[in-house]
Amino acid sequence: MLEHFKSSESQIEKYHKSALRDLKIAADSNIPEVSFRFCYDPC
């Protein structure tokens, strides 16, 4: 079951920066498994 909760602006900014970092790592990698993990793993 999903729960709705309010995120603060600072939390959203941290998640956004983390996502951008992960996408950059995935884009820069020549190893398909690294790209897959950084794009699709939720952790």
N, C-alpha and C. Protein backbone atom coordinates (compact mmCIF):
# COMPACT_ATOMS: atom_id res chain seq x y z
N MET A 1 0.84 -1.18 0.00
CA MET A 1 0.00 0.00 0.00
C MET A 1 0.89 1.25 0.00
N LEU A 2 0.55 2.20 -0.81
CA LEU A 2 1.31 3.44 -0.89
C LEU A 2 0.83 4.43 0.14
N GLU A 3 1.77 5.14 0.71
CA GLU A 3 1.44 6.22 1.63
C GLU A 3 1.88 7.54 1.02
N HIS A 4 1.04 8.52 1.10
CA HIS A 4 1.39 9.85 0.62
C HIS A 4 2.05 10.62 1.76
N PHE A 5 3.10 11.34 1.43
CA PHE A 5 3.75 12.17 2.43
C PHE A 5 4.33 13.40 1.75
N LYS A 6 4.50 14.44 2.51
CA LYS A 6 5.06 15.69 2.00
C LYS A 6 6.58 15.62 2.07
N SER A 7 7.23 15.99 0.99
CA SER A 7 8.68 16.09 0.97
C SER A 7 9.07 17.56 1.02
N SER A 8 10.11 17.83 1.76
CA SER A 8 10.59 19.21 1.82
C SER A 8 11.34 19.53 0.54
N GLU A 9 11.48 20.80 0.25
CA GLU A 9 12.23 21.23 -0.93
C GLU A 9 13.66 20.71 -0.89
N SER A 10 14.27 20.71 0.29
CA SER A 10 15.65 20.24 0.39
C SER A 10 15.75 18.73 0.12
N GLN A 11 14.76 17.95 0.56
CA GLN A 11 14.75 16.52 0.27
C GLN A 11 14.63 16.28 -1.23
N ILE A 12 13.73 16.99 -1.86
CA ILE A 12 13.53 16.85 -3.31
C ILE A 12 14.81 17.22 -4.05
N GLU A 13 15.46 18.28 -3.64
CA GLU A 13 16.71 18.71 -4.28
C GLU A 13 17.80 17.64 -4.12
N LYS A 14 17.89 17.02 -2.94
CA LYS A 14 18.88 15.95 -2.73
C LYS A 14 18.60 14.76 -3.63
N TYR A 15 17.33 14.36 -3.73
CA TYR A 15 16.98 13.24 -4.61
C TYR A 15 17.28 13.57 -6.07
N HIS A 16 17.00 14.80 -6.46
CA HIS A 16 17.25 15.22 -7.83
C HIS A 16 18.75 15.19 -8.15
N LYS A 17 19.57 15.74 -7.26
CA LYS A 17 21.02 15.74 -7.46
C LYS A 17 21.56 14.32 -7.52
N SER A 18 21.03 13.45 -6.66
CA SER A 18 21.46 12.05 -6.65
C SER A 18 21.09 11.35 -7.97
N ALA A 19 19.88 11.62 -8.46
CA ALA A 19 19.44 11.02 -9.72
C ALA A 19 20.29 11.50 -10.88
N LEU A 20 20.61 12.78 -10.91
CA LEU A 20 21.47 13.31 -11.98
C LEU A 20 22.85 12.68 -11.93
N ARG A 21 23.39 12.49 -10.72
CA ARG A 21 24.69 11.85 -10.55
C ARG A 21 24.65 10.42 -11.08
N ASP A 22 23.61 9.67 -10.71
CA ASP A 22 23.48 8.28 -11.15
C ASP A 22 23.35 8.19 -12.67
N LEU A 23 22.57 9.08 -13.27
CA LEU A 23 22.41 9.08 -14.72
C LEU A 23 23.71 9.41 -15.43
N LYS A 24 24.52 10.30 -14.86
CA LYS A 24 25.81 10.63 -15.45
C LYS A 24 26.75 9.43 -15.40
N ILE A 25 26.77 8.74 -14.26
CA ILE A 25 27.60 7.54 -14.14
C ILE A 25 27.17 6.51 -15.20
N ALA A 26 25.86 6.31 -15.33
CA ALA A 26 25.34 5.34 -16.30
C ALA A 26 25.71 5.75 -17.73
N ALA A 27 25.59 7.02 -18.03
CA ALA A 27 25.89 7.50 -19.38
C ALA A 27 27.37 7.39 -19.71
N ASP A 28 28.22 7.60 -18.72
CA ASP A 28 29.67 7.59 -18.94
C ASP A 28 30.27 6.19 -18.94
N SER A 29 29.52 5.20 -18.50
CA SER A 29 30.05 3.84 -18.38
C SER A 29 29.97 3.09 -19.70
N ASN A 30 30.99 2.30 -19.96
CA ASN A 30 31.00 1.42 -21.13
C ASN A 30 30.57 0.01 -20.76
N ILE A 31 30.19 -0.20 -19.52
CA ILE A 31 29.79 -1.52 -19.04
C ILE A 31 28.27 -1.54 -18.93
N PRO A 32 27.59 -2.36 -19.74
CA PRO A 32 26.12 -2.36 -19.75
C PRO A 32 25.49 -2.61 -18.38
N GLU A 33 26.07 -3.50 -17.57
CA GLU A 33 25.49 -3.78 -16.26
C GLU A 33 25.53 -2.55 -15.35
N VAL A 34 26.59 -1.77 -15.45
CA VAL A 34 26.68 -0.54 -14.65
C VAL A 34 25.59 0.43 -15.08
N SER A 35 25.44 0.61 -16.37
CA SER A 35 24.39 1.51 -16.88
C SER A 35 23.02 1.06 -16.42
N PHE A 36 22.75 -0.24 -16.53
CA PHE A 36 21.46 -0.76 -16.12
C PHE A 36 21.21 -0.52 -14.63
N ARG A 37 22.18 -0.86 -13.81
CA ARG A 37 22.00 -0.72 -12.34
C ARG A 37 21.78 0.74 -11.94
N PHE A 38 22.56 1.64 -12.51
CA PHE A 38 22.43 3.04 -12.11
C PHE A 38 21.16 3.68 -12.65
N CYS A 39 20.57 3.11 -13.69
CA CYS A 39 19.32 3.66 -14.22
C CYS A 39 18.07 3.05 -13.60
N TYR A 40 18.15 1.76 -13.24
CA TYR A 40 16.92 1.06 -12.86
C TYR A 40 16.84 0.61 -11.42
N ASP A 41 17.94 0.47 -10.71
CA ASP A 41 17.87 0.05 -9.31
C ASP A 41 17.34 1.19 -8.45
N PRO A 42 16.39 0.92 -7.59
CA PRO A 42 15.78 1.98 -6.78
C PRO A 42 16.66 2.48 -5.64
N CYS A 43 17.68 1.76 -5.30
CA CYS A 43 18.50 2.15 -4.14
C CYS A 43 19.62 3.07 -4.52
